[in-house]
């Protein structure tokens, strides 16, 4: 699970860097429109495809860190055994959902490669297959993350301890 967690963190960093580059692109596009009356070609298509990729790159770490949307109202009022049963059900449903997304998205990704599918016209054409395969890969990874978390939960491991930062200790004074 440590390797998977490291990959999930790397994907999250990649996603954050991608968002930063998108912000720079948006700023450049706005400045180009405003100052030079010439926007950057393909900005809309790049942003449109990037939002999907950025979102899905963050999924595995969200699963591992327990940051996926959840409500603890019911879970907090259940006994330990019932809470575990509910968590196991949630982990399984998450795994099935993202495995289903990966499975359903694979034919479209393969077709995008075969046809050379792109978005945009004129000077800028953005191929869609990289984003389609990113969706397939990150969905499959999210399903794997759900299975890993399920196994860890069944083994009784404290998942929150993996992400808890150590309490800062005062530095001893040197004489």
C-alpha atoms as a PDB file:
ATOM      1  CA  UNK A   1       0.000   0.000   0.000  1.00  0.00           C
ATOM      2  CA  UNK A   2       2.957   2.351   0.587  1.00  0.00           C
ATOM      3  CA  UNK A   3       3.887   2.267  -3.101  1.00  0.00           C
ATOM      4  CA  UNK A   4       0.310   2.918  -4.141  1.00  0.00           C
ATOM      5  CA  UNK A   5       0.141   5.806  -1.696  1.00  0.00           C
ATOM      6  CA  UNK A   6       3.379   7.239  -3.105  1.00  0.00           C
ATOM      7  CA  UNK A   7       1.978   7.020  -6.641  1.00  0.00           C
ATOM      8  CA  UNK A   8      -1.272   8.647  -5.484  1.00  0.00           C
ATOM      9  CA  UNK A   9       0.716  11.501  -3.929  1.00  0.00           C
ATOM     10  CA  UNK A  10       2.761  11.873  -7.119  1.00  0.00           C
ATOM     11  CA  UNK A  11      -0.466  12.037  -9.175  1.00  0.00           C
ATOM     12  CA  UNK A  12      -1.777  14.695  -6.798  1.00  0.00           C
ATOM     13  CA  UNK A  13       1.410  16.758  -7.209  1.00  0.00           C
ATOM     14  CA  UNK A  14       1.156  16.350 -10.980  1.00  0.00           C
ATOM     15  CA  UNK A  15      -2.433  17.553 -10.772  1.00  0.00           C
ATOM     16  CA  UNK A  16      -1.445  20.601  -8.710  1.00  0.00           C
ATOM     17  CA  UNK A  17       1.308  21.470 -11.185  1.00  0.00           C
ATOM     18  CA  UNK A  18      -1.131  21.084 -14.038  1.00  0.00           C
ATOM     19  CA  UNK A  19      -3.572  23.457 -12.325  1.00  0.00           C
ATOM     20  CA  UNK A  20      -0.762  25.993 -11.892  1.00  0.00           C
ATOM     21  CA  UNK A  21       0.083  25.788 -15.610  1.00  0.00           C
ATOM     22  CA  UNK A  22      -3.599  26.181 -16.471  1.00  0.00           C
ATOM     23  CA  UNK A  23      -3.740  29.306 -14.320  1.00  0.00           C
ATOM     24  CA  UNK A  24      -0.769  30.723 -16.219  1.00  0.00           C
ATOM     25  CA  UNK A  25      -2.476  29.856 -19.516  1.00  0.00           C
ATOM     26  CA  UNK A  26      -5.660  31.622 -18.439  1.00  0.00           C
ATOM     27  CA  UNK A  27      -3.723  34.712 -17.360  1.00  0.00           C
ATOM     28  CA  UNK A  28      -1.807  34.755 -20.654  1.00  0.00           C
ATOM     29  CA  UNK A  29      -5.040  34.302 -22.619  1.00  0.00           C
ATOM     30  CA  UNK A  30      -6.772  37.141 -20.763  1.00  0.00           C
ATOM     31  CA  UNK A  31      -3.762  39.435 -21.198  1.00  0.00           C
ATOM     32  CA  UNK A  32      -3.553  38.500 -24.879  1.00  0.00           C
ATOM     33  CA  UNK A  33      -7.232  39.318 -25.359  1.00  0.00           C
ATOM     34  CA  UNK A  34      -7.084  42.545 -23.393  1.00  0.00           C
ATOM     35  CA  UNK A  35      -3.743  44.015 -24.400  1.00  0.00           C
ATOM     36  CA  UNK A  36      -3.214  42.663 -27.909  1.00  0.00           C
ATOM     37  CA  UNK A  37      -6.756  41.728 -28.977  1.00  0.00           C
ATOM     38  CA  UNK A  38      -5.377  38.258 -29.751  1.00  0.00           C
ATOM     39  CA  UNK A  39      -6.314  35.342 -27.475  1.00  0.00           C
ATOM     40  CA  UNK A  40      -4.260  32.153 -27.301  1.00  0.00           C
ATOM     41  CA  UNK A  41      -5.687  29.617 -29.740  1.00  0.00           C
ATOM     42  CA  UNK A  42      -7.007  26.430 -28.157  1.00  0.00           C
ATOM     43  CA  UNK A  43      -7.285  27.715 -24.597  1.00  0.00           C
ATOM     44  CA  UNK A  44     -10.898  26.591 -24.329  1.00  0.00           C
ATOM     45  CA  UNK A  45     -10.119  23.083 -25.582  1.00  0.00           C
ATOM     46  CA  UNK A  46      -7.075  22.720 -23.331  1.00  0.00           C
ATOM     47  CA  UNK A  47      -9.064  23.820 -20.277  1.00  0.00           C
ATOM     48  CA  UNK A  48     -12.042  21.665 -21.193  1.00  0.00           C
ATOM     49  CA  UNK A  49      -9.934  18.493 -21.349  1.00  0.00           C
ATOM     50  CA  UNK A  50      -7.666  19.417 -18.456  1.00  0.00           C
ATOM     51  CA  UNK A  51     -10.450  19.805 -15.909  1.00  0.00           C
ATOM     52  CA  UNK A  52     -11.344  16.143 -16.320  1.00  0.00           C
ATOM     53  CA  UNK A  53      -7.741  14.972 -16.056  1.00  0.00           C
ATOM     54  CA  UNK A  54      -6.942  17.180 -13.056  1.00  0.00           C
ATOM     55  CA  UNK A  55     -10.024  15.991 -11.188  1.00  0.00           C
ATOM     56  CA  UNK A  56      -9.389  12.305 -11.801  1.00  0.00           C
ATOM     57  CA  UNK A  57      -5.675  12.572 -10.946  1.00  0.00           C
ATOM     58  CA  UNK A  58      -6.716  13.630  -7.445  1.00  0.00           C
ATOM     59  CA  UNK A  59      -9.070  10.685  -6.863  1.00  0.00           C
ATOM     60  CA  UNK A  60      -6.675   8.014  -5.558  1.00  0.00           C
ATOM     61  CA  UNK A  61      -5.162  10.251  -2.869  1.00  0.00           C
ATOM     62  CA  UNK A  62      -8.642  11.402  -1.876  1.00  0.00           C
ATOM     63  CA  UNK A  63      -9.614   7.759  -1.341  1.00  0.00           C
ATOM     64  CA  UNK A  64      -6.465   6.896   0.622  1.00  0.00           C
ATOM     65  CA  UNK A  65      -6.697   9.985   2.816  1.00  0.00           C
ATOM     66  CA  UNK A  66     -10.399   9.527   3.565  1.00  0.00           C
ATOM     67  CA  UNK A  67     -11.224  12.811   1.841  1.00  0.00           C
ATOM     68  CA  UNK A  68     -13.972  11.485  -0.386  1.00  0.00           C
ATOM     69  CA  UNK A  69     -17.382  12.899   0.394  1.00  0.00           C
ATOM     70  CA  UNK A  70     -18.899  11.098   3.361  1.00  0.00           C
ATOM     71  CA  UNK A  71     -21.337  11.697   6.163  1.00  0.00           C
ATOM     72  CA  UNK A  72     -20.470  10.395   9.592  1.00  0.00           C
ATOM     73  CA  UNK A  73     -23.839  11.083  11.218  1.00  0.00           C
ATOM     74  CA  UNK A  74     -24.952   7.469  10.896  1.00  0.00           C
ATOM     75  CA  UNK A  75     -21.472   5.967  11.257  1.00  0.00           C
ATOM     76  CA  UNK A  76     -20.799   7.763  14.566  1.00  0.00           C
ATOM     77  CA  UNK A  77     -23.978   6.364  16.096  1.00  0.00           C
ATOM     78  CA  UNK A  78     -23.344   2.727  15.188  1.00  0.00           C
ATOM     79  CA  UNK A  79     -21.502   0.121  17.169  1.00  0.00           C
ATOM     80  CA  UNK A  80     -18.036  -0.957  16.004  1.00  0.00           C
ATOM     81  CA  UNK A  81     -19.249  -4.021  14.112  1.00  0.00           C
ATOM     82  CA  UNK A  82     -22.091  -2.186  12.328  1.00  0.00           C
ATOM     83  CA  UNK A  83     -19.742   0.715  11.512  1.00  0.00           C
ATOM     84  CA  UNK A  84     -17.229  -1.701   9.983  1.00  0.00           C
ATOM     85  CA  UNK A  85     -20.010  -3.316   7.930  1.00  0.00           C
ATOM     86  CA  UNK A  86     -21.127   0.077   6.634  1.00  0.00           C
ATOM     87  CA  UNK A  87     -17.531   1.094   5.803  1.00  0.00           C
ATOM     88  CA  UNK A  88     -16.927  -2.204   3.982  1.00  0.00           C
ATOM     89  CA  UNK A  89     -20.097  -1.603   1.968  1.00  0.00           C
ATOM     90  CA  UNK A  90     -18.927   1.932   1.126  1.00  0.00           C
ATOM     91  CA  UNK A  91     -15.436   0.712   0.101  1.00  0.00           C
ATOM     92  CA  UNK A  92     -16.967  -1.974  -2.125  1.00  0.00           C
ATOM     93  CA  UNK A  93     -19.396   0.463  -3.739  1.00  0.00           C
ATOM     94  CA  UNK A  94     -16.563   2.907  -4.443  1.00  0.00           C
ATOM     95  CA  UNK A  95     -14.447   0.140  -5.977  1.00  0.00           C
ATOM     96  CA  UNK A  96     -17.334  -1.044  -8.141  1.00  0.00           C
ATOM     97  CA  UNK A  97     -18.173   2.509  -9.248  1.00  0.00           C
ATOM     98  CA  UNK A  98     -14.648   3.420 -10.342  1.00  0.00           C
ATOM     99  CA  UNK A  99     -13.961  -0.002 -11.870  1.00  0.00           C
ATOM    100  CA  UNK A 100     -17.184   0.490 -13.839  1.00  0.00           C
ATOM    101  CA  UNK A 101     -16.066   3.938 -14.992  1.00  0.00           C
ATOM    102  CA  UNK A 102     -12.686   2.530 -16.094  1.00  0.00           C
ATOM    103  CA  UNK A 103     -14.327  -0.386 -17.902  1.00  0.00           C
ATOM    104  CA  UNK A 104     -16.942   1.781 -19.613  1.00  0.00           C
ATOM    105  CA  UNK A 105     -14.378   4.425 -20.644  1.00  0.00           C
ATOM    106  CA  UNK A 106     -11.829   2.067 -22.184  1.00  0.00           C
ATOM    107  CA  UNK A 107     -13.634   1.510 -25.529  1.00  0.00           C
ATOM    108  CA  UNK A 108     -13.995   5.277 -26.050  1.00  0.00           C
ATOM    109  CA  UNK A 109     -10.273   5.765 -25.308  1.00  0.00           C
ATOM    110  CA  UNK A 110      -9.293   3.068 -27.789  1.00  0.00           C
ATOM    111  CA  UNK A 111     -11.633   4.535 -30.390  1.00  0.00           C
ATOM    112  CA  UNK A 112     -10.151   8.012 -29.829  1.00  0.00           C
ATOM    113  CA  UNK A 113      -6.691   6.620 -30.647  1.00  0.00           C
ATOM    114  CA  UNK A 114      -7.925   4.671 -33.663  1.00  0.00           C
ATOM    115  CA  UNK A 115      -9.791   7.654 -35.141  1.00  0.00           C
ATOM    116  CA  UNK A 116      -7.319  10.343 -34.083  1.00  0.00           C
ATOM    117  CA  UNK A 117     -10.168  12.119 -32.287  1.00  0.00           C
ATOM    118  CA  UNK A 118      -9.500  15.746 -31.408  1.00  0.00           C
ATOM    119  CA  UNK A 119     -11.255  18.869 -30.230  1.00  0.00           C
ATOM    120  CA  UNK A 120     -10.852  22.294 -31.739  1.00  0.00           C
ATOM    121  CA  UNK A 121     -10.641  23.585 -35.267  1.00  0.00           C
ATOM    122  CA  UNK A 122      -8.150  25.580 -37.230  1.00  0.00           C
ATOM    123  CA  UNK A 123      -4.715  26.248 -35.764  1.00  0.00           C
ATOM    124  CA  UNK A 124      -5.141  24.269 -32.543  1.00  0.00           C
ATOM    125  CA  UNK A 125      -6.318  20.678 -32.362  1.00  0.00           C
ATOM    126  CA  UNK A 126      -6.190  18.900 -29.016  1.00  0.00           C
ATOM    127  CA  UNK A 127      -6.168  15.113 -29.178  1.00  0.00           C
ATOM    128  CA  UNK A 128      -8.613  13.592 -26.710  1.00  0.00           C
ATOM    129  CA  UNK A 129      -6.982  10.180 -26.211  1.00  0.00           C
ATOM    130  CA  UNK A 130      -4.522  11.261 -23.464  1.00  0.00           C
ATOM    131  CA  UNK A 131      -7.347  12.551 -21.288  1.00  0.00           C
ATOM    132  CA  UNK A 132      -9.500   9.534 -22.071  1.00  0.00           C
ATOM    133  CA  UNK A 133      -6.708   7.162 -21.010  1.00  0.00           C
ATOM    134  CA  UNK A 134      -6.039   9.294 -17.924  1.00  0.00           C
ATOM    135  CA  UNK A 135      -9.703   8.810 -17.005  1.00  0.00           C
ATOM    136  CA  UNK A 136      -9.403   5.037 -17.491  1.00  0.00           C
ATOM    137  CA  UNK A 137      -6.132   4.765 -15.560  1.00  0.00           C
ATOM    138  CA  UNK A 138      -7.070   6.978 -12.637  1.00  0.00           C
ATOM    139  CA  UNK A 139     -10.484   5.350 -12.312  1.00  0.00           C
ATOM    140  CA  UNK A 140      -8.851   1.924 -12.193  1.00  0.00           C
ATOM    141  CA  UNK A 141      -6.340   3.250  -9.650  1.00  0.00           C
ATOM    142  CA  UNK A 142      -9.183   4.702  -7.546  1.00  0.00           C
ATOM    143  CA  UNK A 143     -10.896   1.284  -7.593  1.00  0.00           C
ATOM    144  CA  UNK A 144      -7.619  -0.289  -6.462  1.00  0.00           C
ATOM    145  CA  UNK A 145      -7.331   2.364  -3.741  1.00  0.00           C
ATOM    146  CA  UNK A 146     -10.799   1.448  -2.466  1.00  0.00           C
ATOM    147  CA  UNK A 147      -9.830  -2.222  -2.352  1.00  0.00           C
ATOM    148  CA  UNK A 148      -6.583  -1.383  -0.513  1.00  0.00           C
ATOM    149  CA  UNK A 149      -8.436   0.740   2.022  1.00  0.00           C
ATOM    150  CA  UNK A 150     -10.998  -2.042   2.456  1.00  0.00           C
ATOM    151  CA  UNK A 151      -8.267  -4.585   3.187  1.00  0.00           C
ATOM    152  CA  UNK A 152      -6.530  -2.201   5.608  1.00  0.00           C
ATOM    153  CA  UNK A 153      -9.806  -1.523   7.384  1.00  0.00           C
ATOM    154  CA  UNK A 154     -10.558  -5.250   7.711  1.00  0.00           C
ATOM    155  CA  UNK A 155      -7.073  -5.794   9.159  1.00  0.00           C
ATOM    156  CA  UNK A 156      -7.795  -3.114  11.746  1.00  0.00           C
ATOM    157  CA  UNK A 157      -5.194  -0.617  10.597  1.00  0.00           C
ATOM    158  CA  UNK A 158      -5.763   3.008  11.525  1.00  0.00           C
ATOM    159  CA  UNK A 159      -6.057   4.701   8.133  1.00  0.00           C
ATOM    160  CA  UNK A 160      -6.068   8.186   9.629  1.00  0.00           C
ATOM    161  CA  UNK A 161      -2.654   7.577  11.225  1.00  0.00           C
ATOM    162  CA  UNK A 162      -1.125   7.397   7.748  1.00  0.00           C
ATOM    163  CA  UNK A 163      -2.069  11.017   7.095  1.00  0.00           C
ATOM    164  CA  UNK A 164      -1.835  12.442  10.601  1.00  0.00           C
ATOM    165  CA  UNK A 165       1.077  14.824  10.938  1.00  0.00           C
ATOM    166  CA  UNK A 166       3.245  14.298  13.992  1.00  0.00           C
ATOM    167  CA  UNK A 167       2.718  16.762  16.808  1.00  0.00           C
ATOM    168  CA  UNK A 168       5.531  19.327  16.755  1.00  0.00           C
ATOM    169  CA  UNK A 169       7.833  18.986  19.727  1.00  0.00           C
ATOM    170  CA  UNK A 170       9.687  21.928  21.228  1.00  0.00           C
ATOM    171  CA  UNK A 171      13.333  22.125  20.287  1.00  0.00           C
ATOM    172  CA  UNK A 172      15.525  21.747  23.361  1.00  0.00           C
ATOM    173  CA  UNK A 173      17.653  24.772  24.104  1.00  0.00           C
ATOM    174  CA  UNK A 174      21.372  24.317  23.752  1.00  0.00           C
ATOM    175  CA  UNK A 175      23.675  25.806  26.333  1.00  0.00           C
END
